[in-house]
PDB file of N, CA and C in Angstrom:
ATOM      1  N   MET A   1     -19.286  -7.583  -3.279  1.00  0.00           N
ATOM      2  CA  MET A   1     -18.187  -9.351  -2.921  1.00  0.00           C
ATOM      3  C   MET A   1     -18.271  -8.762  -1.333  1.00  0.00           C
ATOM      4  N   HIS A   2     -18.735 -10.388  -0.604  1.00  0.00           N
ATOM      5  CA  HIS A   2     -19.459 -10.215   1.163  1.00  0.00           C
ATOM      6  C   HIS A   2     -18.007 -11.338   1.896  1.00  0.00           C
ATOM      7  N   ILE A   3     -16.685  -9.750   2.503  1.00  0.00           N
ATOM      8  CA  ILE A   3     -15.839 -10.492   3.088  1.00  0.00           C
ATOM      9  C   ILE A   3     -16.425 -10.774   4.768  1.00  0.00           C
ATOM     10  N   GLU A   4     -16.005 -11.072   5.390  1.00  0.00           N
ATOM     11  CA  GLU A   4     -15.706 -11.626   6.923  1.00  0.00           C
ATOM     12  C   GLU A   4     -13.889 -11.170   7.430  1.00  0.00           C
ATOM     13  N   ILE A   5     -14.698  -9.723   8.222  1.00  0.00           N
ATOM     14  CA  ILE A   5     -13.385  -9.330   8.508  1.00  0.00           C
ATOM     15  C   ILE A   5     -12.543  -9.367  10.062  1.00  0.00           C
ATOM     16  N   ARG A   6     -11.889  -9.734  10.761  1.00  0.00           N
ATOM     17  CA  ARG A   6     -11.183 -10.424  11.725  1.00  0.00           C
ATOM     18  C   ARG A   6     -10.245  -9.001  12.391  1.00  0.00           C
ATOM     19  N   TYR A   7      -9.908  -9.001  13.833  1.00  0.00           N
ATOM     20  CA  TYR A   7      -9.108  -8.336  13.798  1.00  0.00           C
ATOM     21  C   TYR A   7      -8.495  -8.413  15.591  1.00  0.00           C
ATOM     22  N   PHE A   8      -7.706  -8.676  15.098  1.00  0.00           N
ATOM     23  CA  PHE A   8      -6.653  -9.106  16.897  1.00  0.00           C
ATOM     24  C   PHE A   8      -5.656  -8.238  17.292  1.00  0.00           C
ATOM     25  N   ALA A   9      -5.138  -8.789  18.626  1.00  0.00           N
ATOM     26  CA  ALA A   9      -4.179  -7.856  19.334  1.00  0.00           C
ATOM     27  C   ALA A   9      -4.531  -6.716  19.218  1.00  0.00           C
ATOM     28  N   ALA A  10      -3.025  -6.241  19.245  1.00  0.00           N
ATOM     29  CA  ALA A  10      -3.169  -4.830  19.310  1.00  0.00           C
ATOM     30  C   ALA A  10      -3.654  -3.969  18.633  1.00  0.00           C
ATOM     31  N   VAL A  11      -4.078  -4.804  16.639  1.00  0.00           N
ATOM     32  CA  VAL A  11      -5.057  -4.183  15.808  1.00  0.00           C
ATOM     33  C   VAL A  11      -6.300  -3.863  16.230  1.00  0.00           C
ATOM     34  N   ARG A  12      -7.000  -5.336  17.271  1.00  0.00           N
ATOM     35  CA  ARG A  12      -8.218  -4.684  17.394  1.00  0.00           C
ATOM     36  C   ARG A  12      -8.667  -4.328  18.413  1.00  0.00           C
ATOM     37  N   GLU A  13      -8.070  -3.945  19.202  1.00  0.00           N
ATOM     38  CA  GLU A  13      -7.395  -2.782  20.538  1.00  0.00           C
ATOM     39  C   GLU A  13      -7.098  -1.149  19.902  1.00  0.00           C
ATOM     40  N   ALA A  14      -6.846  -0.997  18.325  1.00  0.00           N
ATOM     41  CA  ALA A  14      -6.714   0.319  17.830  1.00  0.00           C
ATOM     42  C   ALA A  14      -8.265   0.919  16.934  1.00  0.00           C
ATOM     43  N   LEU A  15      -8.502  -0.226  16.561  1.00  0.00           N
ATOM     44  CA  LEU A  15      -9.790  -0.480  15.764  1.00  0.00           C
ATOM     45  C   LEU A  15     -10.976  -0.380  16.914  1.00  0.00           C
ATOM     46  N   GLY A  16     -11.141  -0.670  17.926  1.00  0.00           N
ATOM     47  CA  GLY A  16     -11.966  -0.685  18.315  1.00  0.00           C
ATOM     48  C   GLY A  16     -13.114  -1.358  18.374  1.00  0.00           C
ATOM     49  N   THR A  17     -12.622  -2.778  18.312  1.00  0.00           N
ATOM     50  CA  THR A  17     -13.738  -3.923  17.345  1.00  0.00           C
ATOM     51  C   THR A  17     -12.587  -5.314  16.311  1.00  0.00           C
ATOM     52  N   ALA A  18     -13.706  -6.409  16.668  1.00  0.00           N
ATOM     53  CA  ALA A  18     -12.740  -8.192  17.037  1.00  0.00           C
ATOM     54  C   ALA A  18     -13.273  -8.410  15.190  1.00  0.00           C
ATOM     55  N   GLN A  19     -14.406  -7.540  14.499  1.00  0.00           N
ATOM     56  CA  GLN A  19     -15.267  -8.298  13.712  1.00  0.00           C
ATOM     57  C   GLN A  19     -15.923  -7.333  12.997  1.00  0.00           C
ATOM     58  N   GLU A  20     -16.004  -7.838  11.420  1.00  0.00           N
ATOM     59  CA  GLU A  20     -17.220  -6.872  10.742  1.00  0.00           C
ATOM     60  C   GLU A  20     -17.503  -7.772   9.283  1.00  0.00           C
ATOM     61  N   ALA A  21     -18.731  -7.147   9.023  1.00  0.00           N
ATOM     62  CA  ALA A  21     -18.979  -7.910   7.636  1.00  0.00           C
ATOM     63  C   ALA A  21     -19.091  -6.575   7.175  1.00  0.00           C
ATOM     64  N   LEU A  22     -17.813  -7.162   5.207  1.00  0.00           N
ATOM     65  CA  LEU A  22     -18.408  -5.867   4.618  1.00  0.00           C
ATOM     66  C   LEU A  22     -18.652  -6.489   3.368  1.00  0.00           C
ATOM     67  N   GLU A  23     -19.240  -5.591   3.055  1.00  0.00           N
ATOM     68  CA  GLU A  23     -20.052  -5.907   1.123  1.00  0.00           C
ATOM     69  C   GLU A  23     -18.237  -4.750  -0.082  1.00  0.00           C
ATOM     70  N   ALA A  24     -17.385  -5.618   0.163  1.00  0.00           N
ATOM     71  CA  ALA A  24     -16.779  -4.526  -0.837  1.00  0.00           C
ATOM     72  C   ALA A  24     -17.055  -4.300  -2.074  1.00  0.00           C
ATOM     73  N   PRO A  25     -16.846  -3.445  -3.166  1.00  0.00           N
ATOM     74  CA  PRO A  25     -17.299  -3.007  -4.489  1.00  0.00           C
ATOM     75  C   PRO A  25     -16.560  -3.262  -5.363  1.00  0.00           C
ATOM     76  N   ASP A  26     -16.614  -3.408  -6.337  1.00  0.00           N
ATOM     77  CA  ASP A  26     -16.352  -4.164  -7.541  1.00  0.00           C
ATOM     78  C   ASP A  26     -14.739  -4.000  -7.720  1.00  0.00           C
ATOM     79  N   ASN A  27     -14.388  -2.616  -7.572  1.00  0.00           N
ATOM     80  CA  ASN A  27     -12.846  -2.331  -8.134  1.00  0.00           C
ATOM     81  C   ASN A  27     -12.047  -3.090  -6.665  1.00  0.00           C
ATOM     82  N   VAL A  28     -12.047  -3.442  -5.555  1.00  0.00           N
ATOM     83  CA  VAL A  28     -11.849  -4.487  -4.767  1.00  0.00           C
ATOM     84  C   VAL A  28     -10.969  -5.599  -4.677  1.00  0.00           C
ATOM     85  N   ARG A  29     -10.665  -5.966  -4.535  1.00  0.00           N
ATOM     86  CA  ARG A  29     -10.161  -7.641  -5.776  1.00  0.00           C
ATOM     87  C   ARG A  29      -8.790  -8.235  -4.568  1.00  0.00           C
ATOM     88  N   SER A  30      -8.287  -7.849  -4.423  1.00  0.00           N
ATOM     89  CA  SER A  30      -6.592  -7.772  -4.078  1.00  0.00           C
ATOM     90  C   SER A  30      -7.094  -8.122  -2.331  1.00  0.00           C
ATOM     91  N   VAL A  31      -6.407  -8.578  -0.790  1.00  0.00           N
ATOM     92  CA  VAL A  31      -6.119  -8.614  -0.397  1.00  0.00           C
ATOM     93  C   VAL A  31      -5.351  -6.399   0.358  1.00  0.00           C
ATOM     94  N   ASP A  32      -4.370  -6.400  -0.489  1.00  0.00           N
ATOM     95  CA  ASP A  32      -4.040  -4.621  -0.773  1.00  0.00           C
ATOM     96  C   ASP A  32      -4.909  -3.701  -0.862  1.00  0.00           C
ATOM     97  N   ALA A  33      -5.676  -3.983  -1.819  1.00  0.00           N
ATOM     98  CA  ALA A  33      -6.845  -2.501  -2.282  1.00  0.00           C
ATOM     99  C   ALA A  33      -7.675  -2.661  -0.818  1.00  0.00           C
ATOM    100  N   LEU A  34      -8.306  -3.987  -0.237  1.00  0.00           N
ATOM    101  CA  LEU A  34      -9.395  -3.849   1.030  1.00  0.00           C
ATOM    102  C   LEU A  34      -8.408  -3.345   2.069  1.00  0.00           C
ATOM    103  N   ARG A  35      -7.437  -3.653   2.248  1.00  0.00           N
ATOM    104  CA  ARG A  35      -6.605  -2.446   3.068  1.00  0.00           C
ATOM    105  C   ARG A  35      -6.919  -1.187   2.757  1.00  0.00           C
ATOM    106  N   ALA A  36      -6.409  -0.573   1.892  1.00  0.00           N
ATOM    107  CA  ALA A  36      -6.406   0.361   1.154  1.00  0.00           C
ATOM    108  C   ALA A  36      -7.823   1.761   1.490  1.00  0.00           C
ATOM    109  N   LEU A  37      -8.836   0.538   0.838  1.00  0.00           N
ATOM    110  CA  LEU A  37     -10.513   0.703   1.170  1.00  0.00           C
ATOM    111  C   LEU A  37     -10.511   1.274   2.925  1.00  0.00           C
ATOM    112  N   LEU A  38      -9.657   0.388   3.894  1.00  0.00           N
ATOM    113  CA  LEU A  38     -10.442   0.787   5.092  1.00  0.00           C
ATOM    114  C   LEU A  38      -9.630   1.373   5.354  1.00  0.00           C
ATOM    115  N   ARG A  39      -8.393   2.195   5.656  1.00  0.00           N
ATOM    116  CA  ARG A  39      -7.219   2.502   5.301  1.00  0.00           C
ATOM    117  C   ARG A  39      -8.237   4.380   5.495  1.00  0.00           C
ATOM    118  N   ALA A  40      -8.987   4.104   3.553  1.00  0.00           N
ATOM    119  CA  ALA A  40      -9.740   5.335   3.713  1.00  0.00           C
ATOM    120  C   ALA A  40     -10.671   5.773   4.351  1.00  0.00           C
ATOM    121  N   ARG A  41     -10.936   5.215   5.324  1.00  0.00           N
ATOM    122  CA  ARG A  41     -11.825   5.612   6.414  1.00  0.00           C
ATOM    123  C   ARG A  41     -11.803   6.858   7.246  1.00  0.00           C
ATOM    124  N   GLY A  42     -10.090   6.924   7.285  1.00  0.00           N
ATOM    125  CA  GLY A  42      -8.983   8.112   7.956  1.00  0.00           C
ATOM    126  C   GLY A  42      -8.689   7.234   9.090  1.00  0.00           C
ATOM    127  N   GLY A  43      -8.640   8.631  10.291  1.00  0.00           N
ATOM    128  CA  GLY A  43      -8.275   8.372  11.756  1.00  0.00           C
ATOM    129  C   GLY A  43      -7.310   7.570  11.481  1.00  0.00           C
ATOM    130  N   VAL A  44      -7.785   6.443  12.637  1.00  0.00           N
ATOM    131  CA  VAL A  44      -7.074   5.302  14.003  1.00  0.00           C
ATOM    132  C   VAL A  44      -7.215   4.938  12.555  1.00  0.00           C
ATOM    133  N   TRP A  45      -8.204   4.055  11.709  1.00  0.00           N
ATOM    134  CA  TRP A  45      -8.078   3.584  10.505  1.00  0.00           C
ATOM    135  C   TRP A  45      -6.767   3.223  10.274  1.00  0.00           C
ATOM    136  N   ALA A  46      -6.644   5.212   9.575  1.00  0.00           N
ATOM    137  CA  ALA A  46      -5.369   5.033   8.868  1.00  0.00           C
ATOM    138  C   ALA A  46      -4.508   4.775   9.463  1.00  0.00           C
ATOM    139  N   GLN A  47      -3.840   5.305  10.277  1.00  0.00           N
ATOM    140  CA  GLN A  47      -3.135   4.677  11.281  1.00  0.00           C
ATOM    141  C   GLN A  47      -2.067   3.106  11.743  1.00  0.00           C
ATOM    142  N   THR A  48      -3.508   2.491  11.549  1.00  0.00           N
ATOM    143  CA  THR A  48      -3.398   1.228  12.146  1.00  0.00           C
ATOM    144  C   THR A  48      -2.806   0.455  10.825  1.00  0.00           C
ATOM    145  N   LEU A  49      -3.247   0.648   9.639  1.00  0.00           N
ATOM    146  CA  LEU A  49      -3.532  -0.115   8.611  1.00  0.00           C
ATOM    147  C   LEU A  49      -2.683   0.654   7.309  1.00  0.00           C
ATOM    148  N   ALA A  50      -1.985   1.611   7.958  1.00  0.00           N
ATOM    149  CA  ALA A  50      -0.569   2.234   7.705  1.00  0.00           C
ATOM    150  C   ALA A  50      -0.676   1.838   6.647  1.00  0.00           C
ATOM    151  N   GLU A  51       0.388   2.180   4.798  1.00  0.00           N
ATOM    152  CA  GLU A  51       1.027   1.288   3.887  1.00  0.00           C
ATOM    153  C   GLU A  51       2.317   1.580   4.860  1.00  0.00           C
ATOM    154  N   GLY A  52       3.270   0.098   5.036  1.00  0.00           N
ATOM    155  CA  GLY A  52       4.415  -0.001   5.293  1.00  0.00           C
ATOM    156  C   GLY A  52       4.513  -0.485   6.956  1.00  0.00           C
ATOM    157  N   ARG A  53       3.880  -0.049   7.620  1.00  0.00           N
ATOM    158  CA  ARG A  53       3.275  -0.406   8.915  1.00  0.00           C
ATOM    159  C   ARG A  53       3.187  -2.499   9.372  1.00  0.00           C
ATOM    160  N   ALA A  54       3.808  -3.048   9.677  1.00  0.00           N
ATOM    161  CA  ALA A  54       3.761  -4.172  10.181  1.00  0.00           C
ATOM    162  C   ALA A  54       2.415  -4.587  10.611  1.00  0.00           C
ATOM    163  N   VAL A  55       1.961  -5.461   9.787  1.00  0.00           N
ATOM    164  CA  VAL A  55       0.566  -5.434   9.600  1.00  0.00           C
ATOM    165  C   VAL A  55       0.599  -6.932   9.302  1.00  0.00           C
ATOM    166  N   ARG A  56       0.250  -8.258   9.763  1.00  0.00           N
ATOM    167  CA  ARG A  56      -0.058  -9.546   9.069  1.00  0.00           C
ATOM    168  C   ARG A  56      -1.170  -9.854   8.337  1.00  0.00           C
ATOM    169  N   VAL A  57      -1.466 -10.194   8.164  1.00  0.00           N
ATOM    170  CA  VAL A  57      -2.563 -11.299   7.247  1.00  0.00           C
ATOM    171  C   VAL A  57      -2.674 -12.621   6.715  1.00  0.00           C
ATOM    172  N   ALA A  58      -3.734 -12.919   7.132  1.00  0.00           N
ATOM    173  CA  ALA A  58      -4.388 -14.029   7.119  1.00  0.00           C
ATOM    174  C   ALA A  58      -5.925 -14.097   6.014  1.00  0.00           C
ATOM    175  N   PHE A  59      -5.774 -15.357   4.989  1.00  0.00           N
ATOM    176  CA  PHE A  59      -6.959 -14.750   3.921  1.00  0.00           C
ATOM    177  C   PHE A  59      -7.614 -16.559   4.648  1.00  0.00           C
ATOM    178  N   ASN A  60      -8.313 -16.598   4.988  1.00  0.00           N
ATOM    179  CA  ASN A  60      -9.473 -17.943   4.534  1.00  0.00           C
ATOM    180  C   ASN A  60      -8.190 -18.725   5.806  1.00  0.00           C
ATOM    181  N   HIS A  61      -7.557 -18.574   7.119  1.00  0.00           N
ATOM    182  CA  HIS A  61      -6.884 -19.086   7.968  1.00  0.00           C
ATOM    183  C   HIS A  61      -5.995 -19.342   7.278  1.00  0.00           C
ATOM    184  N   VAL A  62      -5.116 -18.593   6.479  1.00  0.00           N
ATOM    185  CA  VAL A  62      -3.761 -18.873   6.356  1.00  0.00           C
ATOM    186  C   VAL A  62      -3.046 -18.256   5.877  1.00  0.00           C
ATOM    187  N   MET A  63      -1.618 -17.616   5.951  1.00  0.00           N
ATOM    188  CA  MET A  63      -0.999 -16.156   6.079  1.00  0.00           C
ATOM    189  C   MET A  63      -0.442 -15.703   4.391  1.00  0.00           C
ATOM    190  N   ILE A  64       0.126 -15.431   3.815  1.00  0.00           N
ATOM    191  CA  ILE A  64      -0.489 -14.112   2.819  1.00  0.00           C
ATOM    192  C   ILE A  64       0.580 -13.232   2.663  1.00  0.00           C
ATOM    193  N   ASN A  65       0.198 -13.000   1.207  1.00  0.00           N
ATOM    194  CA  ASN A  65       0.555 -11.224   1.650  1.00  0.00           C
ATOM    195  C   ASN A  65      -0.136 -10.339   0.889  1.00  0.00           C
ATOM    196  N   GLY A  66      -0.085  -9.377   0.796  1.00  0.00           N
ATOM    197  CA  GLY A  66      -1.254  -8.257   0.511  1.00  0.00           C
ATOM    198  C   GLY A  66      -1.737  -8.908  -1.379  1.00  0.00           C
ATOM    199  N   ASP A  67      -0.900  -8.997  -2.314  1.00  0.00           N
ATOM    200  CA  ASP A  67      -1.703  -9.230  -3.400  1.00  0.00           C
ATOM    201  C   ASP A  67      -2.264 -10.437  -4.110  1.00  0.00           C
ATOM    202  N   ALA A  68      -2.617 -11.361  -2.970  1.00  0.00           N
ATOM    203  CA  ALA A  68      -3.703 -12.600  -2.436  1.00  0.00           C
ATOM    204  C   ALA A  68      -5.329 -11.843  -3.239  1.00  0.00           C
ATOM    205  N   GLU A  69      -5.781 -12.429  -4.210  1.00  0.00           N
ATOM    206  CA  GLU A  69      -7.327 -11.830  -4.966  1.00  0.00           C
ATOM    207  C   GLU A  69      -8.676 -13.483  -3.365  1.00  0.00           C
ATOM    208  N   LEU A  70      -9.236 -11.723  -3.463  1.00  0.00           N
ATOM    209  CA  LEU A  70     -10.104 -12.022  -2.976  1.00  0.00           C
ATOM    210  C   LEU A  70     -11.208 -12.922  -3.648  1.00  0.00           C
ATOM    211  N   SER A  71     -12.201 -13.725  -2.384  1.00  0.00           N
ATOM    212  CA  SER A  71     -13.428 -14.131  -3.375  1.00  0.00           C
ATOM    213  C   SER A  71     -14.513 -13.841  -2.632  1.00  0.00           C
ATOM    214  N   ASP A  72     -15.527 -13.947  -2.882  1.00  0.00           N
ATOM    215  CA  ASP A  72     -17.008 -13.766  -2.199  1.00  0.00           C
ATOM    216  C   ASP A  72     -16.792 -15.120  -1.250  1.00  0.00           C
ATOM    217  N   GLY A  73     -17.443 -14.693   0.051  1.00  0.00           N
ATOM    218  CA  GLY A  73     -17.595 -15.114   1.287  1.00  0.00           C
ATOM    219  C   GLY A  73     -16.413 -15.551   2.165  1.00  0.00           C
ATOM    220  N   CYS A  74     -14.932 -15.058   1.381  1.00  0.00           N
ATOM    221  CA  CYS A  74     -13.843 -15.052   2.363  1.00  0.00           C
ATOM    222  C   CYS A  74     -13.607 -14.793   3.914  1.00  0.00           C
ATOM    223  N   GLU A  75     -12.757 -14.855   4.429  1.00  0.00           N
ATOM    224  CA  GLU A  75     -12.355 -14.651   5.304  1.00  0.00           C
ATOM    225  C   GLU A  75     -11.150 -13.324   5.614  1.00  0.00           C
ATOM    226  N   VAL A  76     -10.860 -11.896   5.735  1.00  0.00           N
ATOM    227  CA  VAL A  76      -9.091 -11.359   5.890  1.00  0.00           C
ATOM    228  C   VAL A  76      -9.103 -11.217   7.496  1.00  0.00           C
ATOM    229  N   ALA A  77      -8.177 -11.508   7.783  1.00  0.00           N
ATOM    230  CA  ALA A  77      -7.359 -11.431   9.404  1.00  0.00           C
ATOM    231  C   ALA A  77      -6.651 -10.167   9.384  1.00  0.00           C
ATOM    232  N   PHE A  78      -6.315  -9.586  10.465  1.00  0.00           N
ATOM    233  CA  PHE A  78      -5.222  -8.396  10.565  1.00  0.00           C
ATOM    234  C   PHE A  78      -4.501  -8.601  11.859  1.00  0.00           C
ATOM    235  N   PHE A  79      -3.743  -8.597  11.694  1.00  0.00           N
ATOM    236  CA  PHE A  79      -2.967  -8.836  13.593  1.00  0.00           C
ATOM    237  C   PHE A  79      -1.467  -8.032  13.515  1.00  0.00           C
ATOM    238  N   PRO A  80      -1.335  -7.993  14.175  1.00  0.00           N
ATOM    239  CA  PRO A  80       0.523  -7.423  14.414  1.00  0.00           C
ATOM    240  C   PRO A  80       0.869  -8.593  14.163  1.00  0.00           C
ATOM    241  N   PRO A  81       2.522  -8.708  14.523  1.00  0.00           N
ATOM    242  CA  PRO A  81       3.082  -9.686  14.018  1.00  0.00           C
ATOM    243  C   PRO A  81       3.895 -10.012  15.431  1.00  0.00           C
ATOM    244  N   VAL A  82       3.371 -11.299  15.047  1.00  0.00           N
ATOM    245  CA  VAL A  82       3.894 -11.948  16.721  1.00  0.00           C
ATOM    246  C   VAL A  82       5.501 -12.221  16.642  1.00  0.00           C
ATOM    247  N   THR A  83       5.557 -12.005  18.281  1.00  0.00           N
ATOM    248  CA  THR A  83       6.719 -12.316  19.004  1.00  0.00           C
ATOM    249  C   THR A  83       7.369 -13.402  19.691  1.00  0.00           C
ATOM    250  N   GLY A  84       7.953 -13.863  19.278  1.00  0.00           N
ATOM    251  CA  GLY A  84       8.529 -14.602  20.862  1.00  0.00           C
ATOM    252  C   GLY A  84       9.470 -14.297  21.597  1.00  0.00           C
ATOM    253  N   GLY A  85       9.537 -15.015  23.326  1.00  0.00           N
ATOM    254  CA  GLY A  85      10.016 -14.860  24.520  1.00  0.00           C
ATOM    255  C   GLY A  85       9.247 -15.530  25.231  1.00  0.00           C
TER     256      GLY A  85
END
C-alpha cells in the first residue's frame, strides 16, 4: 500500500525530513500500525513518535485517532499539538 507521509513543525525538525513516500507492508493497516513501523526505525524516530507522546495525526487532511484504517494512496500527517497564545 502506497502512503504519503508528511511531518510538520517540531516533528519535522526532530526527524530531519518534511515528507516521504512509503510502501507499507501488508500488516500495516492502521495509523497506529504505521506509527509503530516508523518507531521501529529506532533512534530519533522511536523518541519522536513514541507511544504515549503527544503527536497529532491527520488522515487525508482530517484529524483522526490512531485506529483509523489506511487506504492506498492516502496521506498521513504527524505534528505536535498546537497551542494558542
